[in-house]
């Protein structure tokens, strides 16, 4: 009996943990008191995170070294212990060291930096999907280059009073000031090329979990790309001061399976709102099934 009780308790704990982890994985977004990057969802963002950790191996020692030099100067060369200051104005060894040292350090930083920038700004030759994102004051318009009739829709900040109508009452998955009425939907594991422009002023298309940030300039078509490695709902924002409602111009990208994407794309051609609700129901159903399976195991 006791073993059965422990087994039942373990199953409940496993189910609860799965629910919590599923809820956390469902939406990648900023959190309170966050100091690190959001969890990487693309290979590019993994490289960005690696480079940030790599630079710390230079920044921290340099900071400590400069601090130590300041302490030495303050203690050793203060007026009380050094009433007659040195008149030395030239030291060849020191000047060579403080010139060559920074050059070597900059080389160690520049080489991986340029490699990362090249990877970010060089899309694969044959992307699986192309989406055009146009920044407006103050919302985003998206156009899918699929078939003979491209799919296009606007994506605006979701109003709190519209939560029930949109089926987005869960504030953990659809946070205030980040959730939108219509998310961008893309398939997992596929290369997505994003063409970015603006209709009025300069905006910026930024998705932290993807390692994507590129300006949207009127009259200019910029290009970036991403390949999401895991399903979920990801949030970004316009990252360029673009007017009084700049803070209310979020970006939301939902990454789903290829089958879910194909079903959504077909339905969205007729009604984007109904297609989004059907997709949300499908995602919730899959999540519930995964939790039940984990609990059973």
C-alpha atoms as a PDB file:
ATOM      1  CA  UNK A   1       0.000   0.000   0.000  1.00  0.00           C
ATOM      2  CA  UNK A   2       2.802   2.338   0.949  1.00  0.00           C
ATOM      3  CA  UNK A   3       4.586   1.676  -2.353  1.00  0.00           C
ATOM      4  CA  UNK A   4       1.396   2.430  -4.274  1.00  0.00           C
ATOM      5  CA  UNK A   5       0.983   5.640  -2.333  1.00  0.00           C
ATOM      6  CA  UNK A   6       4.548   6.684  -3.103  1.00  0.00           C
ATOM      7  CA  UNK A   7       4.060   5.759  -6.760  1.00  0.00           C
ATOM      8  CA  UNK A   8       0.904   7.845  -6.922  1.00  0.00           C
ATOM      9  CA  UNK A   9       2.649  10.782  -5.260  1.00  0.00           C
ATOM     10  CA  UNK A  10       5.573  10.507  -7.672  1.00  0.00           C
ATOM     11  CA  UNK A  11       3.184  10.500 -10.631  1.00  0.00           C
ATOM     12  CA  UNK A  12       1.461  13.623  -9.300  1.00  0.00           C
ATOM     13  CA  UNK A  13       4.789  15.374  -8.812  1.00  0.00           C
ATOM     14  CA  UNK A  14       5.901  14.379 -12.312  1.00  0.00           C
ATOM     15  CA  UNK A  15       2.659  15.658 -13.800  1.00  0.00           C
ATOM     16  CA  UNK A  16       2.944  18.930 -11.904  1.00  0.00           C
ATOM     17  CA  UNK A  17       6.543  19.415 -12.971  1.00  0.00           C
ATOM     18  CA  UNK A  18       5.598  18.686 -16.573  1.00  0.00           C
ATOM     19  CA  UNK A  19       2.817  21.243 -16.387  1.00  0.00           C
ATOM     20  CA  UNK A  20       5.172  23.839 -14.982  1.00  0.00           C
ATOM     21  CA  UNK A  21       7.882  23.113 -17.514  1.00  0.00           C
ATOM     22  CA  UNK A  22       5.357  23.101 -20.351  1.00  0.00           C
ATOM     23  CA  UNK A  23       3.994  26.437 -19.221  1.00  0.00           C
ATOM     24  CA  UNK A  24       7.498  27.846 -19.022  1.00  0.00           C
ATOM     25  CA  UNK A  25       8.514  26.507 -22.423  1.00  0.00           C
ATOM     26  CA  UNK A  26       5.323  27.727 -24.035  1.00  0.00           C
ATOM     27  CA  UNK A  27       6.359  31.371 -23.940  1.00  0.00           C
ATOM     28  CA  UNK A  28       9.905  32.740 -24.000  1.00  0.00           C
ATOM     29  CA  UNK A  29       9.709  36.254 -22.645  1.00  0.00           C
ATOM     30  CA  UNK A  30      11.496  38.658 -20.292  1.00  0.00           C
ATOM     31  CA  UNK A  31      11.133  37.878 -16.592  1.00  0.00           C
ATOM     32  CA  UNK A  32      11.460  40.006 -13.471  1.00  0.00           C
ATOM     33  CA  UNK A  33      15.044  40.712 -12.389  1.00  0.00           C
ATOM     34  CA  UNK A  34      16.447  38.978 -15.443  1.00  0.00           C
ATOM     35  CA  UNK A  35      20.206  39.511 -15.881  1.00  0.00           C
ATOM     36  CA  UNK A  36      21.044  36.949 -18.563  1.00  0.00           C
ATOM     37  CA  UNK A  37      19.852  36.400 -22.114  1.00  0.00           C
ATOM     38  CA  UNK A  38      16.629  34.556 -22.797  1.00  0.00           C
ATOM     39  CA  UNK A  39      17.083  30.848 -23.490  1.00  0.00           C
ATOM     40  CA  UNK A  40      18.462  30.304 -26.994  1.00  0.00           C
ATOM     41  CA  UNK A  41      15.988  28.906 -29.522  1.00  0.00           C
ATOM     42  CA  UNK A  42      18.307  29.057 -32.551  1.00  0.00           C
ATOM     43  CA  UNK A  43      21.883  28.142 -33.336  1.00  0.00           C
ATOM     44  CA  UNK A  44      22.727  31.820 -33.863  1.00  0.00           C
ATOM     45  CA  UNK A  45      21.508  32.725 -30.375  1.00  0.00           C
ATOM     46  CA  UNK A  46      23.607  29.899 -28.926  1.00  0.00           C
ATOM     47  CA  UNK A  47      26.637  31.486 -30.604  1.00  0.00           C
ATOM     48  CA  UNK A  48      25.660  34.913 -29.241  1.00  0.00           C
ATOM     49  CA  UNK A  49      25.448  33.452 -25.733  1.00  0.00           C
ATOM     50  CA  UNK A  50      28.814  31.732 -26.172  1.00  0.00           C
ATOM     51  CA  UNK A  51      30.427  34.964 -27.351  1.00  0.00           C
ATOM     52  CA  UNK A  52      29.038  36.857 -24.351  1.00  0.00           C
ATOM     53  CA  UNK A  53      30.566  34.296 -21.983  1.00  0.00           C
ATOM     54  CA  UNK A  54      33.807  34.363 -23.999  1.00  0.00           C
ATOM     55  CA  UNK A  55      34.175  38.144 -23.660  1.00  0.00           C
ATOM     56  CA  UNK A  56      33.742  37.910 -19.894  1.00  0.00           C
ATOM     57  CA  UNK A  57      37.056  36.010 -19.722  1.00  0.00           C
ATOM     58  CA  UNK A  58      38.668  39.220 -20.995  1.00  0.00           C
ATOM     59  CA  UNK A  59      36.504  41.849 -19.310  1.00  0.00           C
ATOM     60  CA  UNK A  60      36.769  40.544 -15.737  1.00  0.00           C
ATOM     61  CA  UNK A  61      40.599  40.161 -15.624  1.00  0.00           C
ATOM     62  CA  UNK A  62      41.072  43.564 -17.296  1.00  0.00           C
ATOM     63  CA  UNK A  63      38.714  45.203 -14.802  1.00  0.00           C
ATOM     64  CA  UNK A  64      40.476  43.599 -11.837  1.00  0.00           C
ATOM     65  CA  UNK A  65      43.908  44.535 -13.244  1.00  0.00           C
ATOM     66  CA  UNK A  66      42.947  48.193 -13.704  1.00  0.00           C
ATOM     67  CA  UNK A  67      41.427  48.253 -10.224  1.00  0.00           C
ATOM     68  CA  UNK A  68      44.657  46.845  -8.785  1.00  0.00           C
ATOM     69  CA  UNK A  69      46.708  49.497 -10.599  1.00  0.00           C
ATOM     70  CA  UNK A  70      44.474  52.247  -9.204  1.00  0.00           C
ATOM     71  CA  UNK A  71      44.854  50.876  -5.691  1.00  0.00           C
ATOM     72  CA  UNK A  72      48.657  50.743  -6.089  1.00  0.00           C
ATOM     73  CA  UNK A  73      48.759  54.316  -7.378  1.00  0.00           C
ATOM     74  CA  UNK A  74      46.544  55.617  -4.576  1.00  0.00           C
ATOM     75  CA  UNK A  75      48.513  53.837  -1.838  1.00  0.00           C
ATOM     76  CA  UNK A  76      52.078  54.081  -3.129  1.00  0.00           C
ATOM     77  CA  UNK A  77      52.068  57.505  -4.736  1.00  0.00           C
ATOM     78  CA  UNK A  78      49.918  59.535  -2.376  1.00  0.00           C
ATOM     79  CA  UNK A  79      51.450  62.749  -1.114  1.00  0.00           C
ATOM     80  CA  UNK A  80      52.143  61.529   2.443  1.00  0.00           C
ATOM     81  CA  UNK A  81      54.480  58.687   1.395  1.00  0.00           C
ATOM     82  CA  UNK A  82      55.769  60.291  -1.791  1.00  0.00           C
ATOM     83  CA  UNK A  83      56.332  63.990  -1.075  1.00  0.00           C
ATOM     84  CA  UNK A  84      58.715  64.409  -4.029  1.00  0.00           C
ATOM     85  CA  UNK A  85      56.974  63.020  -7.139  1.00  0.00           C
ATOM     86  CA  UNK A  86      58.979  61.451  -9.936  1.00  0.00           C
ATOM     87  CA  UNK A  87      59.544  63.503 -13.091  1.00  0.00           C
ATOM     88  CA  UNK A  88      59.723  60.425 -15.337  1.00  0.00           C
ATOM     89  CA  UNK A  89      57.838  61.181 -18.572  1.00  0.00           C
ATOM     90  CA  UNK A  90      58.862  58.354 -20.859  1.00  0.00           C
ATOM     91  CA  UNK A  91      59.206  54.581 -20.511  1.00  0.00           C
ATOM     92  CA  UNK A  92      59.688  52.568 -23.681  1.00  0.00           C
ATOM     93  CA  UNK A  93      58.788  49.188 -22.192  1.00  0.00           C
ATOM     94  CA  UNK A  94      55.530  50.411 -20.664  1.00  0.00           C
ATOM     95  CA  UNK A  95      54.478  52.202 -23.871  1.00  0.00           C
ATOM     96  CA  UNK A  96      55.121  49.087 -25.972  1.00  0.00           C
ATOM     97  CA  UNK A  97      53.214  46.934 -23.488  1.00  0.00           C
ATOM     98  CA  UNK A  98      50.131  49.171 -23.339  1.00  0.00           C
ATOM     99  CA  UNK A  99      50.055  49.356 -27.157  1.00  0.00           C
ATOM    100  CA  UNK A 100      50.682  45.716 -28.060  1.00  0.00           C
ATOM    101  CA  UNK A 101      48.535  44.277 -25.231  1.00  0.00           C
ATOM    102  CA  UNK A 102      45.240  45.916 -26.282  1.00  0.00           C
ATOM    103  CA  UNK A 103      45.915  45.087 -29.948  1.00  0.00           C
ATOM    104  CA  UNK A 104      46.290  41.382 -29.127  1.00  0.00           C
ATOM    105  CA  UNK A 105      43.159  41.428 -26.948  1.00  0.00           C
ATOM    106  CA  UNK A 106      41.151  43.150 -29.705  1.00  0.00           C
ATOM    107  CA  UNK A 107      42.261  40.500 -32.205  1.00  0.00           C
ATOM    108  CA  UNK A 108      40.977  37.739 -29.912  1.00  0.00           C
ATOM    109  CA  UNK A 109      37.648  39.597 -29.702  1.00  0.00           C
ATOM    110  CA  UNK A 110      37.370  40.706 -33.321  1.00  0.00           C
ATOM    111  CA  UNK A 111      37.852  37.348 -35.051  1.00  0.00           C
ATOM    112  CA  UNK A 112      34.908  35.488 -33.395  1.00  0.00           C
ATOM    113  CA  UNK A 113      32.852  38.690 -33.509  1.00  0.00           C
ATOM    114  CA  UNK A 114      33.220  39.017 -37.281  1.00  0.00           C
ATOM    115  CA  UNK A 115      32.457  35.324 -37.716  1.00  0.00           C
ATOM    116  CA  UNK A 116      29.247  35.714 -35.710  1.00  0.00           C
ATOM    117  CA  UNK A 117      28.185  38.827 -37.633  1.00  0.00           C
ATOM    118  CA  UNK A 118      28.790  37.007 -40.911  1.00  0.00           C
ATOM    119  CA  UNK A 119      26.616  34.089 -39.783  1.00  0.00           C
ATOM    120  CA  UNK A 120      23.847  36.444 -38.653  1.00  0.00           C
ATOM    121  CA  UNK A 121      23.785  38.452 -41.870  1.00  0.00           C
ATOM    122  CA  UNK A 122      24.310  35.631 -44.391  1.00  0.00           C
ATOM    123  CA  UNK A 123      21.041  33.729 -44.879  1.00  0.00           C
ATOM    124  CA  UNK A 124      21.155  30.189 -46.285  1.00  0.00           C
ATOM    125  CA  UNK A 125      20.830  30.022 -50.054  1.00  0.00           C
ATOM    126  CA  UNK A 126      17.439  28.268 -50.156  1.00  0.00           C
ATOM    127  CA  UNK A 127      15.178  29.289 -47.242  1.00  0.00           C
ATOM    128  CA  UNK A 128      12.101  27.175 -46.542  1.00  0.00           C
ATOM    129  CA  UNK A 129       9.894  30.199 -45.914  1.00  0.00           C
ATOM    130  CA  UNK A 130      10.046  33.944 -46.584  1.00  0.00           C
ATOM    131  CA  UNK A 131       8.125  36.431 -44.440  1.00  0.00           C
ATOM    132  CA  UNK A 132       8.067  40.176 -44.998  1.00  0.00           C
ATOM    133  CA  UNK A 133       7.748  42.305 -41.851  1.00  0.00           C
ATOM    134  CA  UNK A 134       6.728  45.945 -42.221  1.00  0.00           C
ATOM    135  CA  UNK A 135       6.917  48.314 -39.265  1.00  0.00           C
ATOM    136  CA  UNK A 136       4.141  50.866 -38.864  1.00  0.00           C
ATOM    137  CA  UNK A 137       3.314  53.398 -36.183  1.00  0.00           C
ATOM    138  CA  UNK A 138       2.677  51.366 -34.063  1.00  0.00           C
ATOM    139  CA  UNK A 139       2.133  47.799 -35.189  1.00  0.00           C
ATOM    140  CA  UNK A 140       3.622  45.206 -37.532  1.00  0.00           C
ATOM    141  CA  UNK A 141       2.309  43.946 -40.838  1.00  0.00           C
ATOM    142  CA  UNK A 142       3.360  40.532 -42.138  1.00  0.00           C
ATOM    143  CA  UNK A 143       3.234  38.980 -45.587  1.00  0.00           C
ATOM    144  CA  UNK A 144       3.953  35.323 -46.334  1.00  0.00           C
ATOM    145  CA  UNK A 145       5.366  34.644 -49.765  1.00  0.00           C
ATOM    146  CA  UNK A 146       3.508  31.373 -50.309  1.00  0.00           C
ATOM    147  CA  UNK A 147       1.611  30.221 -53.387  1.00  0.00           C
ATOM    148  CA  UNK A 148       0.034  32.506 -55.925  1.00  0.00           C
ATOM    149  CA  UNK A 149      -1.847  34.507 -53.274  1.00  0.00           C
ATOM    150  CA  UNK A 150       0.433  35.734 -50.457  1.00  0.00           C
ATOM    151  CA  UNK A 151      -0.999  35.654 -46.942  1.00  0.00           C
ATOM    152  CA  UNK A 152      -0.919  39.029 -45.194  1.00  0.00           C
ATOM    153  CA  UNK A 153      -2.206  40.326 -41.858  1.00  0.00           C
ATOM    154  CA  UNK A 154      -1.551  42.971 -39.209  1.00  0.00           C
ATOM    155  CA  UNK A 155      -0.291  42.217 -35.715  1.00  0.00           C
ATOM    156  CA  UNK A 156      -1.281  44.662 -32.986  1.00  0.00           C
ATOM    157  CA  UNK A 157      -0.775  44.780 -29.242  1.00  0.00           C
ATOM    158  CA  UNK A 158      -3.533  42.789 -27.574  1.00  0.00           C
ATOM    159  CA  UNK A 159      -5.841  44.886 -25.417  1.00  0.00           C
ATOM    160  CA  UNK A 160      -6.673  43.528 -21.981  1.00  0.00           C
ATOM    161  CA  UNK A 161     -10.401  43.633 -22.700  1.00  0.00           C
ATOM    162  CA  UNK A 162      -9.883  41.389 -25.749  1.00  0.00           C
ATOM    163  CA  UNK A 163      -8.332  38.454 -23.868  1.00  0.00           C
ATOM    164  CA  UNK A 164     -11.522  36.437 -23.614  1.00  0.00           C
ATOM    165  CA  UNK A 165     -12.520  36.993 -27.234  1.00  0.00           C
ATOM    166  CA  UNK A 166      -9.062  35.926 -28.432  1.00  0.00           C
ATOM    167  CA  UNK A 167      -8.872  32.981 -26.034  1.00  0.00           C
ATOM    168  CA  UNK A 168      -5.726  34.341 -24.382  1.00  0.00           C
ATOM    169  CA  UNK A 169      -6.674  34.573 -20.712  1.00  0.00           C
ATOM    170  CA  UNK A 170      -3.445  32.873 -19.557  1.00  0.00           C
ATOM    171  CA  UNK A 171      -1.225  35.820 -18.632  1.00  0.00           C
ATOM    172  CA  UNK A 172       1.805  33.566 -18.278  1.00  0.00           C
ATOM    173  CA  UNK A 173       1.631  32.528 -21.917  1.00  0.00           C
ATOM    174  CA  UNK A 174       0.214  35.850 -23.138  1.00  0.00           C
ATOM    175  CA  UNK A 175       1.796  38.551 -20.956  1.00  0.00           C
ATOM    176  CA  UNK A 176       0.528  42.094 -20.775  1.00  0.00           C
ATOM    177  CA  UNK A 177       2.172  44.498 -23.263  1.00  0.00           C
ATOM    178  CA  UNK A 178       3.822  41.618 -25.148  1.00  0.00           C
ATOM    179  CA  UNK A 179       0.918  39.502 -26.404  1.00  0.00           C
ATOM    180  CA  UNK A 180      -0.572  40.354 -29.812  1.00  0.00           C
ATOM    181  CA  UNK A 181      -3.809  39.562 -31.591  1.00  0.00           C
ATOM    182  CA  UNK A 182      -2.131  37.704 -34.496  1.00  0.00           C
ATOM    183  CA  UNK A 183       1.209  35.952 -34.049  1.00  0.00           C
ATOM    184  CA  UNK A 184       3.640  35.073 -36.804  1.00  0.00           C
ATOM    185  CA  UNK A 185       3.479  31.282 -37.237  1.00  0.00           C
ATOM    186  CA  UNK A 186       6.447  29.306 -38.552  1.00  0.00           C
ATOM    187  CA  UNK A 187       7.394  25.602 -38.617  1.00  0.00           C
ATOM    188  CA  UNK A 188      10.069  24.267 -36.296  1.00  0.00           C
ATOM    189  CA  UNK A 189      13.438  23.308 -37.762  1.00  0.00           C
ATOM    190  CA  UNK A 190      12.919  25.304 -40.966  1.00  0.00           C
ATOM    191  CA  UNK A 191      14.964  28.210 -42.273  1.00  0.00           C
ATOM    192  CA  UNK A 192      12.874  31.385 -42.301  1.00  0.00           C
ATOM    193  CA  UNK A 193      14.069  34.425 -44.229  1.00  0.00           C
ATOM    194  CA  UNK A 194      12.674  37.724 -42.920  1.00  0.00           C
ATOM    195  CA  UNK A 195      12.562  40.781 -45.167  1.00  0.00           C
ATOM    196  CA  UNK A 196      12.264  43.857 -42.981  1.00  0.00           C
ATOM    197  CA  UNK A 197      11.146  47.366 -43.945  1.00  0.00           C
ATOM    198  CA  UNK A 198       9.045  50.232 -42.589  1.00  0.00           C
ATOM    199  CA  UNK A 199       6.151  52.294 -43.885  1.00  0.00           C
ATOM    200  CA  UNK A 200       6.742  55.547 -41.994  1.00  0.00           C
ATOM    201  CA  UNK A 201       9.715  55.954 -39.628  1.00  0.00           C
ATOM    202  CA  UNK A 202      12.654  53.756 -38.628  1.00  0.00           C
ATOM    203  CA  UNK A 203      11.678  50.720 -36.552  1.00  0.00           C
ATOM    204  CA  UNK A 204      13.693  47.632 -35.547  1.00  0.00           C
ATOM    205  CA  UNK A 205      12.685  43.975 -35.686  1.00  0.00           C
ATOM    206  CA  UNK A 206      14.125  42.192 -32.648  1.00  0.00           C
ATOM    207  CA  UNK A 207      13.592  38.686 -31.279  1.00  0.00           C
ATOM    208  CA  UNK A 208      15.971  37.993 -28.346  1.00  0.00           C
ATOM    209  CA  UNK A 209      15.543  34.196 -28.241  1.00  0.00           C
ATOM    210  CA  UNK A 210      16.445  33.983 -31.934  1.00  0.00           C
ATOM    211  CA  UNK A 211      19.456  36.321 -31.851  1.00  0.00           C
ATOM    212  CA  UNK A 212      17.704  38.578 -34.378  1.00  0.00           C
ATOM    213  CA  UNK A 213      17.792  42.378 -34.416  1.00  0.00           C
ATOM    214  CA  UNK A 214      17.706  44.412 -37.603  1.00  0.00           C
ATOM    215  CA  UNK A 215      16.516  47.901 -38.528  1.00  0.00           C
ATOM    216  CA  UNK A 216      13.313  48.486 -40.486  1.00  0.00           C
ATOM    217  CA  UNK A 217      14.011  51.514 -42.673  1.00  0.00           C
ATOM    218  CA  UNK A 218      11.444  53.197 -44.973  1.00  0.00           C
ATOM    219  CA  UNK A 219      12.329  52.638 -48.626  1.00  0.00           C
ATOM    220  CA  UNK A 220      14.906  49.969 -47.782  1.00  0.00           C
ATOM    221  CA  UNK A 221      14.564  46.188 -47.596  1.00  0.00           C
ATOM    222  CA  UNK A 222      16.837  44.602 -44.983  1.00  0.00           C
ATOM    223  CA  UNK A 223      17.213  40.855 -44.637  1.00  0.00           C
ATOM    224  CA  UNK A 224      17.740  38.509 -41.722  1.00  0.00           C
ATOM    225  CA  UNK A 225      16.947  34.877 -40.931  1.00  0.00           C
ATOM    226  CA  UNK A 226      16.401  32.340 -38.194  1.00  0.00           C
ATOM    227  CA  UNK A 227      15.885  28.607 -37.731  1.00  0.00           C
ATOM    228  CA  UNK A 228      14.000  27.796 -34.528  1.00  0.00           C
ATOM    229  CA  UNK A 229      15.101  24.539 -32.915  1.00  0.00           C
ATOM    230  CA  UNK A 230      12.159  24.111 -30.539  1.00  0.00           C
ATOM    231  CA  UNK A 231       8.459  24.829 -30.528  1.00  0.00           C
ATOM    232  CA  UNK A 232       6.976  27.577 -28.393  1.00  0.00           C
ATOM    233  CA  UNK A 233       5.775  31.162 -28.334  1.00  0.00           C
ATOM    234  CA  UNK A 234       8.507  33.809 -28.475  1.00  0.00           C
ATOM    235  CA  UNK A 235       8.273  37.527 -27.781  1.00  0.00           C
ATOM    236  CA  UNK A 236      10.276  40.514 -28.965  1.00  0.00           C
ATOM    237  CA  UNK A 237       9.691  44.219 -29.463  1.00  0.00           C
ATOM    238  CA  UNK A 238      10.500  47.106 -31.742  1.00  0.00           C
ATOM    239  CA  UNK A 239      13.973  48.191 -30.631  1.00  0.00           C
ATOM    240  CA  UNK A 240      14.130  51.630 -32.232  1.00  0.00           C
ATOM    241  CA  UNK A 241      12.566  54.770 -30.765  1.00  0.00           C
ATOM    242  CA  UNK A 242       9.758  55.285 -33.275  1.00  0.00           C
ATOM    243  CA  UNK A 243       7.304  57.634 -31.597  1.00  0.00           C
ATOM    244  CA  UNK A 244       4.980  57.948 -28.636  1.00  0.00           C
ATOM    245  CA  UNK A 245       3.721  54.337 -28.757  1.00  0.00           C
ATOM    246  CA  UNK A 246       7.124  52.737 -29.312  1.00  0.00           C
ATOM    247  CA  UNK A 247       6.699  50.703 -26.116  1.00  0.00           C
ATOM    248  CA  UNK A 248       3.463  49.179 -27.427  1.00  0.00           C
ATOM    249  CA  UNK A 249       4.770  47.516 -30.571  1.00  0.00           C
ATOM    250  CA  UNK A 250       5.555  43.901 -29.616  1.00  0.00           C
ATOM    251  CA  UNK A 251       6.524  41.009 -31.870  1.00  0.00           C
ATOM    252  CA  UNK A 252       5.231  37.481 -31.279  1.00  0.00           C
ATOM    253  CA  UNK A 253       6.354  34.378 -33.184  1.00  0.00           C
ATOM    254  CA  UNK A 254       4.743  30.986 -32.614  1.00  0.00           C
ATOM    255  CA  UNK A 255       6.860  27.991 -33.637  1.00  0.00           C
ATOM    256  CA  UNK A 256       4.856  24.826 -34.287  1.00  0.00           C
ATOM    257  CA  UNK A 257       5.212  21.475 -36.016  1.00  0.00           C
ATOM    258  CA  UNK A 258       5.135  21.284 -39.790  1.00  0.00           C
ATOM    259  CA  UNK A 259       1.689  19.662 -39.740  1.00  0.00           C
ATOM    260  CA  UNK A 260       0.250  22.348 -37.464  1.00  0.00           C
ATOM    261  CA  UNK A 261       1.791  25.051 -39.641  1.00  0.00           C
ATOM    262  CA  UNK A 262       0.349  23.613 -42.857  1.00  0.00           C
ATOM    263  CA  UNK A 263      -3.116  23.379 -41.290  1.00  0.00           C
ATOM    264  CA  UNK A 264      -2.886  26.947 -39.973  1.00  0.00           C
ATOM    265  CA  UNK A 265      -1.672  28.324 -43.305  1.00  0.00           C
ATOM    266  CA  UNK A 266      -4.601  26.789 -45.174  1.00  0.00           C
ATOM    267  CA  UNK A 267      -7.132  28.094 -42.643  1.00  0.00           C
ATOM    268  CA  UNK A 268      -5.510  31.544 -42.379  1.00  0.00           C
ATOM    269  CA  UNK A 269      -6.137  32.197 -46.057  1.00  0.00           C
ATOM    270  CA  UNK A 270      -9.872  32.259 -45.259  1.00  0.00           C
ATOM    271  CA  UNK A 271      -9.927  33.719 -41.719  1.00  0.00           C
ATOM    272  CA  UNK A 272      -6.817  34.549 -39.697  1.00  0.00           C
ATOM    273  CA  UNK A 273      -8.717  34.795 -36.402  1.00  0.00           C
ATOM    274  CA  UNK A 274     -10.314  31.366 -36.683  1.00  0.00           C
ATOM    275  CA  UNK A 275      -7.018  29.871 -37.861  1.00  0.00           C
ATOM    276  CA  UNK A 276      -5.238  31.230 -34.779  1.00  0.00           C
ATOM    277  CA  UNK A 277      -7.868  29.841 -32.406  1.00  0.00           C
ATOM    278  CA  UNK A 278      -7.718  26.419 -34.051  1.00  0.00           C
ATOM    279  CA  UNK A 279      -3.918  26.450 -33.825  1.00  0.00           C
ATOM    280  CA  UNK A 280      -4.018  27.418 -30.140  1.00  0.00           C
ATOM    281  CA  UNK A 281      -6.415  24.546 -29.466  1.00  0.00           C
ATOM    282  CA  UNK A 282      -4.110  22.154 -31.312  1.00  0.00           C
ATOM    283  CA  UNK A 283      -1.071  23.324 -29.335  1.00  0.00           C
ATOM    284  CA  UNK A 284      -2.952  22.985 -26.029  1.00  0.00           C
ATOM    285  CA  UNK A 285      -4.098  19.487 -26.995  1.00  0.00           C
ATOM    286  CA  UNK A 286      -0.546  18.375 -27.765  1.00  0.00           C
ATOM    287  CA  UNK A 287       0.712  19.857 -24.514  1.00  0.00           C
ATOM    288  CA  UNK A 288      -2.004  18.084 -22.511  1.00  0.00           C
ATOM    289  CA  UNK A 289      -1.179  14.789 -24.206  1.00  0.00           C
ATOM    290  CA  UNK A 290       2.529  15.194 -23.447  1.00  0.00           C
ATOM    291  CA  UNK A 291       1.793  15.916 -19.777  1.00  0.00           C
ATOM    292  CA  UNK A 292      -0.518  12.892 -19.514  1.00  0.00           C
ATOM    293  CA  UNK A 293       2.089  10.667 -21.158  1.00  0.00           C
ATOM    294  CA  UNK A 294       4.809  11.867 -18.808  1.00  0.00           C
ATOM    295  CA  UNK A 295       2.573  11.323 -15.784  1.00  0.00           C
ATOM    296  CA  UNK A 296       1.712   7.792 -16.939  1.00  0.00           C
ATOM    297  CA  UNK A 297       5.374   6.914 -17.292  1.00  0.00           C
END
